[in-house]
């Protein structure tokens, strides 16, 4: 961030995730608020951002997208496998259908396992949009590929209060990206009710479809 070329050992921000990633640089980061700042930055004057891409093979395709400067509309919350994530939104008069609050969750399907994604609506209501991005898809990135409506989502749900909606992804599905290898899945939750809204998100690994195959015997 001080104009020097970053290296594997000398950097201020970094991404080490497989596939698409999202790095947010904010003037509120501790890097800028250290007293005294190691780089003596003046936030009002801006800073030079130098991005380094380290390739481990000769032929590498990648894309970089820069957006800003502005306050980010949303952040990402990671969903751990086989563990529930519960979000409780209190009553809020600023949350309406015309100006809903948006939350985005993500998980990476390590080892390309079959899985189920379930959302449980405890109270209030919300719309759910799921999309996936493969690390080999160079036409999308973590910003443009996030589902914001039915048109760019592989699965949508608006569960009634007290009900569960579920998405299942297995290797038997041949249509990308319902199931894809080395993919990030992004779940967008859009809440537009003023009343208290509580929901649970859970991703569970299931038995891989097709791993148990019959054995052919000789002469049978």
C-alpha atoms as a PDB file:
ATOM      1  CA  UNK A   1       0.000   0.000   0.000  1.00  0.00           C
ATOM      2  CA  UNK A   2       3.043   2.316   0.115  1.00  0.00           C
ATOM      3  CA  UNK A   3       3.910   1.889  -3.559  1.00  0.00           C
ATOM      4  CA  UNK A   4       6.441  -0.923  -3.187  1.00  0.00           C
ATOM      5  CA  UNK A   5       5.908  -4.144  -5.094  1.00  0.00           C
ATOM      6  CA  UNK A   6       4.306  -6.679  -2.740  1.00  0.00           C
ATOM      7  CA  UNK A   7       5.892 -10.096  -2.266  1.00  0.00           C
ATOM      8  CA  UNK A   8       4.911 -13.326  -0.536  1.00  0.00           C
ATOM      9  CA  UNK A   9       6.677 -12.069   2.594  1.00  0.00           C
ATOM     10  CA  UNK A  10       5.968  -8.335   2.388  1.00  0.00           C
ATOM     11  CA  UNK A  11       2.341  -7.264   1.893  1.00  0.00           C
ATOM     12  CA  UNK A  12      -0.502  -5.399   3.616  1.00  0.00           C
ATOM     13  CA  UNK A  13      -3.508  -7.353   2.264  1.00  0.00           C
ATOM     14  CA  UNK A  14      -3.648 -10.771   0.681  1.00  0.00           C
ATOM     15  CA  UNK A  15      -5.960 -13.482  -0.645  1.00  0.00           C
ATOM     16  CA  UNK A  16      -5.096 -17.147  -0.294  1.00  0.00           C
ATOM     17  CA  UNK A  17      -8.488 -18.679  -1.107  1.00  0.00           C
ATOM     18  CA  UNK A  18      -9.119 -21.102  -3.933  1.00  0.00           C
ATOM     19  CA  UNK A  19     -11.077 -19.556  -6.771  1.00  0.00           C
ATOM     20  CA  UNK A  20     -12.805 -16.191  -6.545  1.00  0.00           C
ATOM     21  CA  UNK A  21     -12.222 -13.933  -3.577  1.00  0.00           C
ATOM     22  CA  UNK A  22     -13.109 -10.476  -2.317  1.00  0.00           C
ATOM     23  CA  UNK A  23     -10.646  -8.182  -0.579  1.00  0.00           C
ATOM     24  CA  UNK A  24     -11.992  -5.016   1.026  1.00  0.00           C
ATOM     25  CA  UNK A  25      -9.709  -2.053   1.712  1.00  0.00           C
ATOM     26  CA  UNK A  26     -11.243   0.463   4.097  1.00  0.00           C
ATOM     27  CA  UNK A  27      -9.960   3.645   5.726  1.00  0.00           C
ATOM     28  CA  UNK A  28     -11.331   2.179   8.975  1.00  0.00           C
ATOM     29  CA  UNK A  29      -8.876  -0.737   8.851  1.00  0.00           C
ATOM     30  CA  UNK A  30      -6.369  -0.925  11.685  1.00  0.00           C
ATOM     31  CA  UNK A  31      -3.584  -0.531   9.129  1.00  0.00           C
ATOM     32  CA  UNK A  32      -4.552   3.129   8.711  1.00  0.00           C
ATOM     33  CA  UNK A  33      -5.333   3.789  12.363  1.00  0.00           C
ATOM     34  CA  UNK A  34      -2.034   2.774  13.909  1.00  0.00           C
ATOM     35  CA  UNK A  35      -0.401   5.596  15.854  1.00  0.00           C
ATOM     36  CA  UNK A  36       1.963   6.513  14.480  1.00  0.00           C
ATOM     37  CA  UNK A  37       1.210   4.958  11.091  1.00  0.00           C
ATOM     38  CA  UNK A  38       4.216   2.942   9.858  1.00  0.00           C
ATOM     39  CA  UNK A  39       3.717   4.467   6.422  1.00  0.00           C
ATOM     40  CA  UNK A  40       2.646   7.965   7.570  1.00  0.00           C
ATOM     41  CA  UNK A  41      -0.428   7.927   5.358  1.00  0.00           C
ATOM     42  CA  UNK A  42      -2.843  10.790   5.023  1.00  0.00           C
ATOM     43  CA  UNK A  43      -6.210   9.136   4.263  1.00  0.00           C
ATOM     44  CA  UNK A  44      -7.514  12.358   2.736  1.00  0.00           C
ATOM     45  CA  UNK A  45      -4.818  12.273   0.061  1.00  0.00           C
ATOM     46  CA  UNK A  46      -5.418   8.675  -0.978  1.00  0.00           C
ATOM     47  CA  UNK A  47      -2.903   5.842  -1.193  1.00  0.00           C
ATOM     48  CA  UNK A  48      -1.242   3.908  -3.994  1.00  0.00           C
ATOM     49  CA  UNK A  49      -2.491   0.315  -4.268  1.00  0.00           C
ATOM     50  CA  UNK A  50      -0.173  -2.195  -5.965  1.00  0.00           C
ATOM     51  CA  UNK A  51      -1.569  -5.679  -6.627  1.00  0.00           C
ATOM     52  CA  UNK A  52       0.711  -8.669  -7.211  1.00  0.00           C
ATOM     53  CA  UNK A  53      -0.472 -11.961  -8.721  1.00  0.00           C
ATOM     54  CA  UNK A  54       1.763 -14.956  -8.065  1.00  0.00           C
ATOM     55  CA  UNK A  55       1.412 -17.731 -10.664  1.00  0.00           C
ATOM     56  CA  UNK A  56       2.540 -21.273  -9.906  1.00  0.00           C
ATOM     57  CA  UNK A  57       2.169 -22.572 -13.475  1.00  0.00           C
ATOM     58  CA  UNK A  58       3.269 -21.163 -16.823  1.00  0.00           C
ATOM     59  CA  UNK A  59      -0.194 -20.539 -18.296  1.00  0.00           C
ATOM     60  CA  UNK A  60      -2.625 -18.870 -15.901  1.00  0.00           C
ATOM     61  CA  UNK A  61      -5.925 -17.145 -16.670  1.00  0.00           C
ATOM     62  CA  UNK A  62      -7.392 -14.775 -14.099  1.00  0.00           C
ATOM     63  CA  UNK A  63      -9.411 -11.587 -13.836  1.00  0.00           C
ATOM     64  CA  UNK A  64      -9.243  -8.619 -11.458  1.00  0.00           C
ATOM     65  CA  UNK A  65     -12.136  -6.257 -10.769  1.00  0.00           C
ATOM     66  CA  UNK A  66     -11.841  -3.044  -8.769  1.00  0.00           C
ATOM     67  CA  UNK A  67     -14.892  -1.257  -7.412  1.00  0.00           C
ATOM     68  CA  UNK A  68     -14.965   1.955  -5.416  1.00  0.00           C
ATOM     69  CA  UNK A  69     -14.136   4.056  -3.643  1.00  0.00           C
ATOM     70  CA  UNK A  70     -17.372   3.857  -1.671  1.00  0.00           C
ATOM     71  CA  UNK A  71     -18.794   2.220   1.393  1.00  0.00           C
ATOM     72  CA  UNK A  72     -19.442  -1.460   0.622  1.00  0.00           C
ATOM     73  CA  UNK A  73     -23.076  -2.432   0.300  1.00  0.00           C
ATOM     74  CA  UNK A  74     -22.483  -5.755   2.031  1.00  0.00           C
ATOM     75  CA  UNK A  75     -19.897  -8.066   3.520  1.00  0.00           C
ATOM     76  CA  UNK A  76     -19.553 -11.835   3.358  1.00  0.00           C
ATOM     77  CA  UNK A  77     -20.131 -14.309   6.185  1.00  0.00           C
ATOM     78  CA  UNK A  78     -18.608 -17.783   5.869  1.00  0.00           C
ATOM     79  CA  UNK A  79     -20.832 -20.821   6.450  1.00  0.00           C
ATOM     80  CA  UNK A  80     -19.016 -23.727   8.138  1.00  0.00           C
ATOM     81  CA  UNK A  81     -19.946 -27.201   6.908  1.00  0.00           C
ATOM     82  CA  UNK A  82     -22.360 -29.123   9.173  1.00  0.00           C
ATOM     83  CA  UNK A  83     -22.801 -26.168  11.536  1.00  0.00           C
ATOM     84  CA  UNK A  84     -25.861 -23.877  11.702  1.00  0.00           C
ATOM     85  CA  UNK A  85     -25.643 -20.122  11.229  1.00  0.00           C
ATOM     86  CA  UNK A  86     -28.489 -18.244  12.941  1.00  0.00           C
ATOM     87  CA  UNK A  87     -29.182 -14.590  12.211  1.00  0.00           C
ATOM     88  CA  UNK A  88     -31.641 -12.580  14.317  1.00  0.00           C
ATOM     89  CA  UNK A  89     -32.677  -9.195  12.903  1.00  0.00           C
ATOM     90  CA  UNK A  90     -34.477  -7.013  15.479  1.00  0.00           C
ATOM     91  CA  UNK A  91     -37.411  -4.755  14.657  1.00  0.00           C
ATOM     92  CA  UNK A  92     -36.185  -1.956  12.397  1.00  0.00           C
ATOM     93  CA  UNK A  93     -38.325   0.750  10.802  1.00  0.00           C
ATOM     94  CA  UNK A  94     -35.663   1.464   8.157  1.00  0.00           C
ATOM     95  CA  UNK A  95     -36.000  -2.053   6.744  1.00  0.00           C
ATOM     96  CA  UNK A  96     -38.691  -2.065   4.053  1.00  0.00           C
ATOM     97  CA  UNK A  97     -39.479  -3.854   0.799  1.00  0.00           C
ATOM     98  CA  UNK A  98     -38.314  -0.752  -1.057  1.00  0.00           C
ATOM     99  CA  UNK A  99     -35.091  -0.530   0.962  1.00  0.00           C
ATOM    100  CA  UNK A 100     -34.395  -4.071   2.177  1.00  0.00           C
ATOM    101  CA  UNK A 101     -31.337  -5.163   4.126  1.00  0.00           C
ATOM    102  CA  UNK A 102     -29.075  -7.586   2.283  1.00  0.00           C
ATOM    103  CA  UNK A 103     -26.789 -10.230   3.787  1.00  0.00           C
ATOM    104  CA  UNK A 104     -24.490 -12.554   1.854  1.00  0.00           C
ATOM    105  CA  UNK A 105     -23.122 -15.893   3.033  1.00  0.00           C
ATOM    106  CA  UNK A 106     -20.611 -18.107   1.294  1.00  0.00           C
ATOM    107  CA  UNK A 107     -19.012 -21.537   1.506  1.00  0.00           C
ATOM    108  CA  UNK A 108     -16.536 -23.466  -0.595  1.00  0.00           C
ATOM    109  CA  UNK A 109     -17.391 -27.035  -1.508  1.00  0.00           C
ATOM    110  CA  UNK A 110     -14.103 -28.613  -0.512  1.00  0.00           C
ATOM    111  CA  UNK A 111     -13.404 -31.970  -2.207  1.00  0.00           C
ATOM    112  CA  UNK A 112     -16.554 -31.468  -4.350  1.00  0.00           C
ATOM    113  CA  UNK A 113     -18.854 -33.318  -1.972  1.00  0.00           C
ATOM    114  CA  UNK A 114     -22.587 -33.774  -2.347  1.00  0.00           C
ATOM    115  CA  UNK A 115     -24.400 -31.461   0.051  1.00  0.00           C
ATOM    116  CA  UNK A 116     -27.706 -29.944   1.107  1.00  0.00           C
ATOM    117  CA  UNK A 117     -28.343 -26.298   1.892  1.00  0.00           C
ATOM    118  CA  UNK A 118     -31.352 -25.616   4.110  1.00  0.00           C
ATOM    119  CA  UNK A 119     -32.866 -22.330   5.307  1.00  0.00           C
ATOM    120  CA  UNK A 120     -35.314 -22.241   8.221  1.00  0.00           C
ATOM    121  CA  UNK A 121     -37.542 -19.203   8.705  1.00  0.00           C
ATOM    122  CA  UNK A 122     -38.248 -18.803  12.426  1.00  0.00           C
ATOM    123  CA  UNK A 123     -39.931 -15.392  12.214  1.00  0.00           C
ATOM    124  CA  UNK A 124     -40.555 -12.631   9.695  1.00  0.00           C
ATOM    125  CA  UNK A 125     -39.829 -13.275   6.031  1.00  0.00           C
ATOM    126  CA  UNK A 126     -36.922 -13.061   3.599  1.00  0.00           C
ATOM    127  CA  UNK A 127     -35.991 -13.974   0.048  1.00  0.00           C
ATOM    128  CA  UNK A 128     -33.058 -16.310  -0.552  1.00  0.00           C
ATOM    129  CA  UNK A 129     -30.950 -16.431  -3.731  1.00  0.00           C
ATOM    130  CA  UNK A 130     -28.187 -18.996  -4.324  1.00  0.00           C
ATOM    131  CA  UNK A 131     -25.500 -18.871  -6.972  1.00  0.00           C
ATOM    132  CA  UNK A 132     -22.198 -20.658  -7.577  1.00  0.00           C
ATOM    133  CA  UNK A 133     -18.944 -19.557  -9.163  1.00  0.00           C
ATOM    134  CA  UNK A 134     -16.286 -21.975 -10.356  1.00  0.00           C
ATOM    135  CA  UNK A 135     -12.634 -21.013 -10.098  1.00  0.00           C
ATOM    136  CA  UNK A 136     -12.443 -21.820 -13.825  1.00  0.00           C
ATOM    137  CA  UNK A 137     -15.189 -19.326 -14.725  1.00  0.00           C
ATOM    138  CA  UNK A 138     -13.351 -16.190 -15.806  1.00  0.00           C
ATOM    139  CA  UNK A 139     -16.517 -14.393 -16.934  1.00  0.00           C
ATOM    140  CA  UNK A 140     -17.782 -13.931 -13.358  1.00  0.00           C
ATOM    141  CA  UNK A 141     -16.199 -12.698 -10.155  1.00  0.00           C
ATOM    142  CA  UNK A 142     -17.201 -12.550  -6.525  1.00  0.00           C
ATOM    143  CA  UNK A 143     -19.130  -9.306  -7.077  1.00  0.00           C
ATOM    144  CA  UNK A 144     -20.860  -9.888 -10.404  1.00  0.00           C
ATOM    145  CA  UNK A 145     -21.640 -13.531  -9.667  1.00  0.00           C
ATOM    146  CA  UNK A 146     -23.543 -13.015  -6.422  1.00  0.00           C
ATOM    147  CA  UNK A 147     -27.229 -13.807  -6.819  1.00  0.00           C
ATOM    148  CA  UNK A 148     -29.422 -10.742  -6.435  1.00  0.00           C
ATOM    149  CA  UNK A 149     -32.626 -12.142  -7.930  1.00  0.00           C
ATOM    150  CA  UNK A 150     -34.170 -15.113  -9.670  1.00  0.00           C
ATOM    151  CA  UNK A 151     -32.630 -14.125 -13.019  1.00  0.00           C
ATOM    152  CA  UNK A 152     -29.041 -14.828 -11.941  1.00  0.00           C
ATOM    153  CA  UNK A 153     -29.590 -17.507  -9.288  1.00  0.00           C
ATOM    154  CA  UNK A 154     -29.579 -21.286  -9.507  1.00  0.00           C
ATOM    155  CA  UNK A 155     -32.050 -21.587  -6.602  1.00  0.00           C
ATOM    156  CA  UNK A 156     -34.493 -19.240  -4.907  1.00  0.00           C
ATOM    157  CA  UNK A 157     -36.742 -19.599  -1.883  1.00  0.00           C
ATOM    158  CA  UNK A 158     -39.190 -17.566   0.186  1.00  0.00           C
ATOM    159  CA  UNK A 159     -40.115 -19.952   3.009  1.00  0.00           C
ATOM    160  CA  UNK A 160     -43.156 -19.293   5.160  1.00  0.00           C
ATOM    161  CA  UNK A 161     -42.581 -18.700   8.862  1.00  0.00           C
ATOM    162  CA  UNK A 162     -41.874 -21.971  10.633  1.00  0.00           C
ATOM    163  CA  UNK A 163     -40.947 -23.852   7.441  1.00  0.00           C
ATOM    164  CA  UNK A 164     -37.733 -25.116   5.846  1.00  0.00           C
ATOM    165  CA  UNK A 165     -36.590 -24.783   2.216  1.00  0.00           C
ATOM    166  CA  UNK A 166     -33.805 -27.009   0.941  1.00  0.00           C
ATOM    167  CA  UNK A 167     -31.434 -27.173  -1.996  1.00  0.00           C
ATOM    168  CA  UNK A 168     -29.605 -30.419  -2.809  1.00  0.00           C
ATOM    169  CA  UNK A 169     -26.486 -30.657  -4.946  1.00  0.00           C
ATOM    170  CA  UNK A 170     -25.145 -34.026  -6.101  1.00  0.00           C
ATOM    171  CA  UNK A 171     -22.723 -35.273  -8.722  1.00  0.00           C
ATOM    172  CA  UNK A 172     -25.692 -36.833 -10.526  1.00  0.00           C
ATOM    173  CA  UNK A 173     -26.687 -33.308 -11.567  1.00  0.00           C
ATOM    174  CA  UNK A 174     -25.040 -32.547 -14.867  1.00  0.00           C
ATOM    175  CA  UNK A 175     -26.245 -28.960 -15.219  1.00  0.00           C
ATOM    176  CA  UNK A 176     -23.636 -26.420 -14.139  1.00  0.00           C
ATOM    177  CA  UNK A 177     -23.590 -24.776 -11.659  1.00  0.00           C
ATOM    178  CA  UNK A 178     -26.150 -26.763  -9.650  1.00  0.00           C
ATOM    179  CA  UNK A 179     -23.165 -28.991  -9.006  1.00  0.00           C
ATOM    180  CA  UNK A 180     -19.660 -27.944  -9.962  1.00  0.00           C
ATOM    181  CA  UNK A 181     -16.123 -28.775  -8.976  1.00  0.00           C
ATOM    182  CA  UNK A 182     -14.003 -26.308  -7.002  1.00  0.00           C
ATOM    183  CA  UNK A 183     -16.817 -23.814  -6.544  1.00  0.00           C
ATOM    184  CA  UNK A 184     -17.808 -21.049  -4.194  1.00  0.00           C
ATOM    185  CA  UNK A 185     -21.519 -20.935  -3.375  1.00  0.00           C
ATOM    186  CA  UNK A 186     -23.040 -17.592  -2.406  1.00  0.00           C
ATOM    187  CA  UNK A 187     -26.371 -17.277  -0.596  1.00  0.00           C
ATOM    188  CA  UNK A 188     -27.974 -13.829  -0.633  1.00  0.00           C
ATOM    189  CA  UNK A 189     -30.634 -13.066   1.987  1.00  0.00           C
ATOM    190  CA  UNK A 190     -32.889 -10.069   1.320  1.00  0.00           C
ATOM    191  CA  UNK A 191     -35.041  -9.022   4.280  1.00  0.00           C
ATOM    192  CA  UNK A 192     -37.640  -6.298   3.771  1.00  0.00           C
ATOM    193  CA  UNK A 193     -39.925  -6.552   6.808  1.00  0.00           C
ATOM    194  CA  UNK A 194     -39.723  -4.156   9.723  1.00  0.00           C
ATOM    195  CA  UNK A 195     -40.710  -6.872  12.187  1.00  0.00           C
ATOM    196  CA  UNK A 196     -38.195  -9.179  13.832  1.00  0.00           C
ATOM    197  CA  UNK A 197     -36.758 -11.606  11.284  1.00  0.00           C
ATOM    198  CA  UNK A 198     -34.888 -14.704  12.406  1.00  0.00           C
ATOM    199  CA  UNK A 199     -33.563 -17.479  10.182  1.00  0.00           C
ATOM    200  CA  UNK A 200     -31.110 -20.383  10.195  1.00  0.00           C
ATOM    201  CA  UNK A 201     -28.776 -21.457   7.399  1.00  0.00           C
ATOM    202  CA  UNK A 202     -27.080 -24.834   7.374  1.00  0.00           C
ATOM    203  CA  UNK A 203     -24.954 -26.726   4.857  1.00  0.00           C
ATOM    204  CA  UNK A 204     -24.620 -30.460   5.442  1.00  0.00           C
ATOM    205  CA  UNK A 205     -22.429 -32.918   3.610  1.00  0.00           C
ATOM    206  CA  UNK A 206     -24.342 -35.992   2.446  1.00  0.00           C
ATOM    207  CA  UNK A 207     -23.297 -39.374   1.102  1.00  0.00           C
ATOM    208  CA  UNK A 208     -21.801 -38.874  -2.316  1.00  0.00           C
ATOM    209  CA  UNK A 209     -24.140 -40.101  -5.007  1.00  0.00           C
ATOM    210  CA  UNK A 210     -22.519 -42.824  -7.064  1.00  0.00           C
ATOM    211  CA  UNK A 211     -19.725 -43.762  -4.681  1.00  0.00           C
ATOM    212  CA  UNK A 212     -21.325 -47.151  -3.947  1.00  0.00           C
ATOM    213  CA  UNK A 213     -21.217 -49.089  -7.203  1.00  0.00           C
ATOM    214  CA  UNK A 214     -22.158 -52.732  -7.863  1.00  0.00           C
ATOM    215  CA  UNK A 215     -19.266 -55.063  -8.580  1.00  0.00           C
ATOM    216  CA  UNK A 216     -19.364 -57.041 -11.850  1.00  0.00           C
ATOM    217  CA  UNK A 217     -18.331 -60.649 -11.424  1.00  0.00           C
ATOM    218  CA  UNK A 218     -16.643 -62.683 -14.148  1.00  0.00           C
ATOM    219  CA  UNK A 219     -19.001 -64.848 -16.220  1.00  0.00           C
ATOM    220  CA  UNK A 220     -22.056 -63.402 -14.449  1.00  0.00           C
END
